[in-house]
Amino acid sequence: MTVTNADLPLDKAEIIAFFLESMLFGISSLLYIITIWTLVTQRKSQRLNSRLVSISTAMMFFNVMHMAVDIDRVLQAFFFQRDLPGGPAAYYARLFDWSELFKTGIFVVQTVLADCFAIYRCHVVWNRFWIVVFPSMSVVATLATGIGVVVSLGRLSNGSDIFASTLKGWITSFFVLTLCTNFMCTSSIAGRIWFTTRKVKNYSGNRSLMPIVIVLIESGALYAASCIALVISYLLGSNAQYIVVDGAFPIISIAFNMIIVRIALGIAHGGTIATTGQPSGITSAVVVTTL
């Protein structure tokens, strides 16, 4: 595998990835503003949910950092270091460069942060410790493999690429593990809400929480699809994986904020999403993890 991958040259893949990330960064920034506005103005109690504000803000902070690093890398590759032997493609091929290690580290932190909150949401909805045992083990393994990716990148020699055998196991494991965590948490929460809704469907005055299930599944599927696309493109040895991985980063915060905004506005505007008449445990859990 050379730096001019036959299906898509590395420098072209990186510039396409930059434009895709820029577009998704704009979407995630807008969603962040709407999320904070929603949490502040549409909350159902006098107390602001500081957890959601903190997590959403942290994700936005990491988005900005990741975007800033990619802007710097584009400037370095196409302007400041374009006359180096091999041109922009050779610059991007230096995976051991500090900027590549830094942005990879940010990706790992962002992923683990989102997975940890998914586990927290799952625990609150179920109010059972055992339900989060396997997701917790998965997220610990995700962190370990993420660290393995960063360390392995730093140890690469000049001329090695992202498809090196020393990296393949770490990278594949990282995305498969976060995909498993996402699936376990989303299915557990959706299953709990669906089961509770069916159990109380004959109660008078109840509104279904099924729209929340749909929102959770759709948001989870958004990130899951990007992970699957990344694993496939990576295992195929295609430079298209650079495009997918840079696009997947803002999708993490987009999926997170989309859950909050869609559920919160559904409640605020009197849609089918409501908590009236539902059992107190599930009701409070849904509110705590969305508003």
Protein backbone atom coordinates (compact mmCIF):
# COMPACT_ATOMS: atom_id res chain seq x y z
CA MET A 1 0.00 0.00 0.00
CA THR A 2 1.50 3.34 -1.04
CA VAL A 3 0.56 6.91 -0.19
CA THR A 4 -1.19 7.14 -3.56
CA ASN A 5 -3.77 4.44 -2.97
CA ALA A 6 -5.06 3.30 -6.38
CA ASP A 7 -8.74 3.88 -5.66
CA LEU A 8 -8.32 7.30 -4.04
CA PRO A 9 -5.06 9.24 -3.55
CA LEU A 10 -4.36 10.12 0.07
CA ASP A 11 -4.21 13.89 -0.43
CA LYS A 12 -7.55 13.91 -2.25
CA ALA A 13 -9.12 11.72 0.43
CA GLU A 14 -7.91 14.10 3.13
CA ILE A 15 -9.24 17.23 1.43
CA ILE A 16 -12.63 15.58 0.84
CA ALA A 17 -12.62 14.51 4.49
CA PHE A 18 -11.88 18.09 5.53
CA PHE A 19 -14.83 19.50 3.59
CA LEU A 20 -17.16 16.79 4.90
CA GLU A 21 -16.06 17.42 8.47
CA SER A 22 -16.48 21.17 7.98
CA MET A 23 -20.07 20.69 6.84
CA LEU A 24 -20.90 18.34 9.70
CA PHE A 25 -19.11 20.66 12.14
CA GLY A 26 -21.53 23.41 11.13
CA ILE A 27 -24.49 21.09 11.72
CA SER A 28 -23.16 19.97 15.10
CA SER A 29 -22.52 23.60 16.14
CA LEU A 30 -26.09 24.56 15.29
CA LEU A 31 -27.43 21.52 17.14
CA TYR A 32 -25.30 22.42 20.17
CA ILE A 33 -26.82 25.91 20.31
CA ILE A 34 -30.33 24.46 20.00
CA THR A 35 -29.53 21.85 22.66
CA ILE A 36 -28.34 24.42 25.20
CA TRP A 37 -31.34 26.63 24.45
CA THR A 38 -33.64 23.64 24.87
CA LEU A 39 -32.08 22.57 28.16
CA VAL A 40 -32.26 26.10 29.56
CA THR A 41 -35.73 27.13 28.38
CA GLN A 42 -37.69 23.87 28.05
CA ARG A 43 -36.70 22.08 31.25
CA LYS A 44 -39.50 20.66 33.36
CA SER A 45 -38.04 21.68 36.71
CA GLN A 46 -36.29 24.66 38.25
CA ARG A 47 -32.99 22.85 38.24
CA LEU A 48 -30.91 22.84 35.09
CA ASN A 49 -29.59 19.44 34.05
CA SER A 50 -25.91 20.25 34.49
CA ARG A 51 -24.84 16.77 33.34
CA LEU A 52 -26.29 17.18 29.88
CA VAL A 53 -25.01 20.75 29.56
CA SER A 54 -21.52 19.62 30.60
CA ILE A 55 -21.41 16.61 28.26
CA SER A 56 -22.80 18.54 25.30
CA THR A 57 -20.36 21.40 25.91
CA ALA A 58 -17.42 19.01 26.27
CA MET A 59 -18.33 17.36 22.97
CA MET A 60 -18.53 20.76 21.29
CA PHE A 61 -15.14 21.66 22.75
CA PHE A 62 -13.61 18.50 21.31
CA ASN A 63 -15.29 19.22 17.97
CA VAL A 64 -13.62 22.64 17.88
CA MET A 65 -10.23 21.17 18.81
CA HIS A 66 -10.50 18.44 16.17
CA MET A 67 -11.56 20.97 13.53
CA ALA A 68 -8.70 23.31 14.47
CA VAL A 69 -6.15 20.51 14.10
CA ASP A 70 -7.55 19.56 10.69
CA ILE A 71 -7.40 23.19 9.54
CA ASP A 72 -3.76 23.31 10.59
CA ARG A 73 -3.03 20.05 8.77
CA VAL A 74 -4.61 21.33 5.55
CA LEU A 75 -2.55 24.53 5.75
CA GLN A 76 0.62 22.56 6.44
CA ALA A 77 0.01 20.05 3.65
CA PHE A 78 -1.10 22.41 0.87
CA PHE A 79 0.70 25.64 1.75
CA PHE A 80 3.53 25.59 4.28
CA GLN A 81 5.01 22.16 3.48
CA ARG A 82 3.72 21.55 -0.02
CA ASP A 83 7.25 21.60 -1.49
CA LEU A 84 8.42 18.66 0.58
CA PRO A 85 9.34 15.51 -1.41
CA GLY A 86 6.08 13.74 -2.18
CA GLY A 87 3.93 16.83 -1.66
CA PRO A 88 0.73 16.89 0.44
CA ALA A 89 0.29 13.12 0.23
CA ALA A 90 3.67 12.59 1.86
CA TYR A 91 2.77 15.01 4.65
CA TYR A 92 -0.49 13.20 5.39
CA ALA A 93 1.31 9.86 5.28
CA ARG A 94 3.33 10.83 8.36
CA LEU A 95 0.94 9.22 10.81
CA PHE A 96 3.43 9.62 13.65
CA ASP A 97 3.18 13.44 13.40
CA TRP A 98 1.99 15.12 16.63
CA SER A 99 -1.11 16.55 14.93
CA GLU A 100 -2.27 13.10 13.80
CA LEU A 101 -1.65 11.65 17.25
CA PHE A 102 -3.48 14.56 18.88
CA LYS A 103 -6.59 14.35 16.68
CA THR A 104 -6.69 10.57 17.12
CA GLY A 105 -6.51 11.03 20.88
CA ILE A 106 -9.39 13.52 20.73
CA PHE A 107 -11.42 10.99 18.76
CA VAL A 108 -10.82 8.35 21.42
CA VAL A 109 -11.83 10.71 24.25
CA GLN A 110 -14.97 11.86 22.42
CA THR A 111 -16.01 8.28 21.69
CA VAL A 112 -15.46 7.09 25.26
CA LEU A 113 -17.31 10.14 26.62
CA ALA A 114 -20.36 9.42 24.47
CA ASP A 115 -20.28 5.72 25.36
CA CYS A 116 -20.03 6.49 29.09
CA PHE A 117 -23.08 8.73 28.98
CA ALA A 118 -24.98 6.09 27.04
CA ILE A 119 -24.17 3.68 29.87
CA TYR A 120 -25.30 6.25 32.44
CA ARG A 121 -28.57 6.76 30.57
CA CYS A 122 -29.06 2.99 30.43
CA HIS A 123 -28.44 2.68 34.18
CA VAL A 124 -30.90 5.47 35.02
CA VAL A 125 -33.65 4.02 32.84
CA TRP A 126 -33.25 0.49 34.21
CA ASN A 127 -32.14 1.39 37.74
CA ARG A 128 -30.22 -1.90 37.76
CA PHE A 129 -26.46 -2.31 38.04
CA TRP A 130 -26.27 -5.60 36.17
CA ILE A 131 -27.70 -4.10 32.99
CA VAL A 132 -24.57 -1.98 32.47
CA VAL A 133 -21.94 -4.61 33.30
CA PHE A 134 -21.27 -5.69 29.72
CA PRO A 135 -21.46 -2.16 28.24
CA SER A 136 -19.04 -0.99 30.94
CA MET A 137 -16.60 -3.77 30.09
CA SER A 138 -16.96 -2.84 26.44
CA VAL A 139 -16.21 0.85 27.02
CA VAL A 140 -13.13 0.00 29.11
CA ALA A 141 -11.91 -2.18 26.25
CA THR A 142 -12.71 0.66 23.83
CA LEU A 143 -10.51 3.02 25.84
CA ALA A 144 -7.71 0.44 25.97
CA THR A 145 -7.79 -0.18 22.22
CA GLY A 146 -8.00 3.57 21.57
CA ILE A 147 -4.83 4.08 23.59
CA GLY A 148 -3.33 1.20 21.64
CA VAL A 149 -4.13 2.99 18.37
CA VAL A 150 -2.44 6.22 19.49
CA VAL A 151 0.65 4.42 20.82
CA SER A 152 0.95 2.30 17.67
CA LEU A 153 0.68 5.39 15.47
CA GLY A 154 3.47 7.04 17.41
CA ARG A 155 5.71 4.02 16.86
CA LEU A 156 5.22 3.84 13.10
CA SER A 157 8.28 4.33 10.95
CA ASN A 158 8.43 6.66 7.98
CA GLY A 159 6.78 4.97 4.99
CA SER A 160 4.25 2.96 7.01
CA ASP A 161 0.56 3.59 6.39
CA ILE A 162 -2.71 3.32 8.29
CA PHE A 163 -3.22 -0.23 7.03
CA ALA A 164 -0.05 -1.54 8.72
CA SER A 165 -0.49 -4.85 10.52
CA THR A 166 0.51 -3.25 13.83
CA LEU A 167 -2.50 -0.92 13.55
CA LYS A 168 -5.18 -3.07 11.93
CA GLY A 169 -6.12 -5.05 15.04
CA TRP A 170 -6.26 -1.97 17.28
CA ILE A 171 -8.31 0.14 14.88
CA THR A 172 -10.77 -2.60 13.97
CA SER A 173 -11.26 -3.58 17.62
CA PHE A 174 -11.81 0.04 18.65
CA PHE A 175 -14.69 0.64 16.27
CA VAL A 176 -16.25 -2.79 16.72
CA LEU A 177 -16.23 -2.30 20.51
CA THR A 178 -17.81 1.15 20.43
CA LEU A 179 -20.38 -0.21 17.98
CA CYS A 180 -21.18 -3.00 20.46
CA THR A 181 -21.51 -0.50 23.32
CA ASN A 182 -23.82 1.64 21.23
CA PHE A 183 -25.96 -1.35 20.29
CA MET A 184 -26.20 -2.72 23.84
CA CYS A 185 -27.16 0.61 25.40
CA THR A 186 -29.59 1.68 22.70
CA SER A 187 -31.36 -1.68 22.57
CA SER A 188 -31.53 -1.90 26.38
CA ILE A 189 -33.06 1.56 26.76
CA ALA A 190 -35.43 1.14 23.83
CA GLY A 191 -36.45 -2.31 25.05
CA ARG A 192 -37.16 -1.03 28.55
CA ILE A 193 -39.34 1.82 27.29
CA TRP A 194 -41.14 -0.43 24.80
CA PHE A 195 -41.84 -3.08 27.46
CA THR A 196 -43.13 -0.50 29.94
CA THR A 197 -45.33 1.14 27.31
CA ARG A 198 -46.90 -2.21 26.41
CA LYS A 199 -47.45 -3.06 30.07
CA VAL A 200 -49.40 0.12 30.77
CA LYS A 201 -51.06 0.62 27.39
CA ASN A 202 -54.54 -0.05 28.83
CA TYR A 203 -54.22 2.58 31.56
CA SER A 204 -56.45 5.55 31.02
CA GLY A 205 -54.79 8.85 30.28
CA ASN A 206 -51.47 7.35 29.21
CA ARG A 207 -49.54 8.56 26.24
CA SER A 208 -47.11 6.27 24.53
CA LEU A 209 -43.38 6.69 24.97
CA MET A 210 -42.78 4.79 21.74
CA PRO A 211 -41.68 7.95 19.88
CA ILE A 212 -38.73 8.07 22.29
CA VAL A 213 -37.81 4.54 21.22
CA ILE A 214 -37.81 5.68 17.59
CA VAL A 215 -35.65 8.71 18.39
CA LEU A 216 -33.13 6.59 20.30
CA ILE A 217 -32.91 3.97 17.57
CA GLU A 218 -32.56 6.54 14.78
CA SER A 219 -29.85 8.46 16.62
CA GLY A 220 -28.00 5.27 17.52
CA ALA A 221 -28.27 4.06 13.94
CA LEU A 222 -26.67 7.27 12.67
CA TYR A 223 -23.43 6.66 14.54
CA ALA A 224 -23.60 2.90 14.02
CA ALA A 225 -23.82 3.39 10.25
CA SER A 226 -20.69 5.56 10.27
CA CYS A 227 -18.81 2.95 12.33
CA ILE A 228 -19.84 0.14 9.99
CA ALA A 229 -18.86 2.18 6.92
CA LEU A 230 -15.51 2.94 8.52
CA VAL A 231 -14.73 -0.67 9.39
CA ILE A 232 -15.69 -1.84 5.90
CA SER A 233 -13.64 0.82 4.10
CA TYR A 234 -10.69 0.21 6.41
CA LEU A 235 -10.71 -3.57 5.97
CA LEU A 236 -10.95 -3.06 2.21
CA GLY A 237 -7.74 -1.02 2.40
CA SER A 238 -9.35 2.07 0.92
CA ASN A 239 -8.28 5.64 1.64
CA ALA A 240 -11.99 6.41 1.76
CA GLN A 241 -11.73 5.45 5.43
CA TYR A 242 -10.08 8.85 6.04
CA ILE A 243 -13.27 10.51 4.77
CA VAL A 244 -15.49 8.35 6.94
CA VAL A 245 -13.45 8.76 10.13
CA ASP A 246 -13.39 12.57 9.91
CA GLY A 247 -17.11 12.57 9.18
CA ALA A 248 -17.81 10.21 12.07
CA PHE A 249 -16.28 12.55 14.64
CA PRO A 250 -18.94 15.31 14.54
CA ILE A 251 -21.63 12.66 14.09
CA ILE A 252 -20.95 11.56 17.69
CA SER A 253 -22.12 14.91 19.07
CA ILE A 254 -24.85 15.24 16.44
CA ALA A 255 -26.39 11.93 17.53
CA PHE A 256 -26.07 12.87 21.21
CA ASN A 257 -27.67 16.31 20.85
CA MET A 258 -30.31 15.08 18.44
CA ILE A 259 -31.76 12.81 21.13
CA ILE A 260 -32.06 15.71 23.57
CA VAL A 261 -33.53 18.16 21.07
CA ARG A 262 -36.05 15.82 19.46
CA ILE A 263 -37.37 14.42 22.73
CA ALA A 264 -37.39 17.78 24.51
CA LEU A 265 -39.18 19.62 21.72
CA GLY A 266 -41.61 16.73 21.38
CA ILE A 267 -42.59 17.22 25.01
CA ALA A 268 -42.57 21.01 24.83
CA HIS A 269 -44.82 21.20 21.80
CA GLY A 270 -47.37 18.73 23.07
CA GLY A 271 -46.55 15.97 20.62
CA THR A 272 -46.99 12.26 21.27
CA ILE A 273 -43.91 12.22 23.49
CA ALA A 274 -45.12 12.82 27.01
CA THR A 275 -44.63 11.63 30.53
CA THR A 276 -48.10 12.06 31.92
CA GLY A 277 -49.51 8.89 33.42
CA GLN A 278 -46.40 6.79 32.98
CA PRO A 279 -44.88 4.94 35.93
CA SER A 280 -42.75 7.31 37.97
CA GLY A 281 -39.51 5.37 37.55
CA ILE A 282 -39.47 5.39 33.76
CA THR A 283 -40.90 8.91 33.61
CA SER A 284 -38.22 10.39 35.80
CA ALA A 285 -35.51 8.44 34.00
CA VAL A 286 -36.58 9.75 30.61
CA VAL A 287 -36.72 13.31 31.90
CA VAL A 288 -33.41 13.11 33.76
CA THR A 289 -31.53 11.88 30.71
CA THR A 290 -33.13 14.26 28.20
CA LEU A 291 -33.98 17.53 29.94
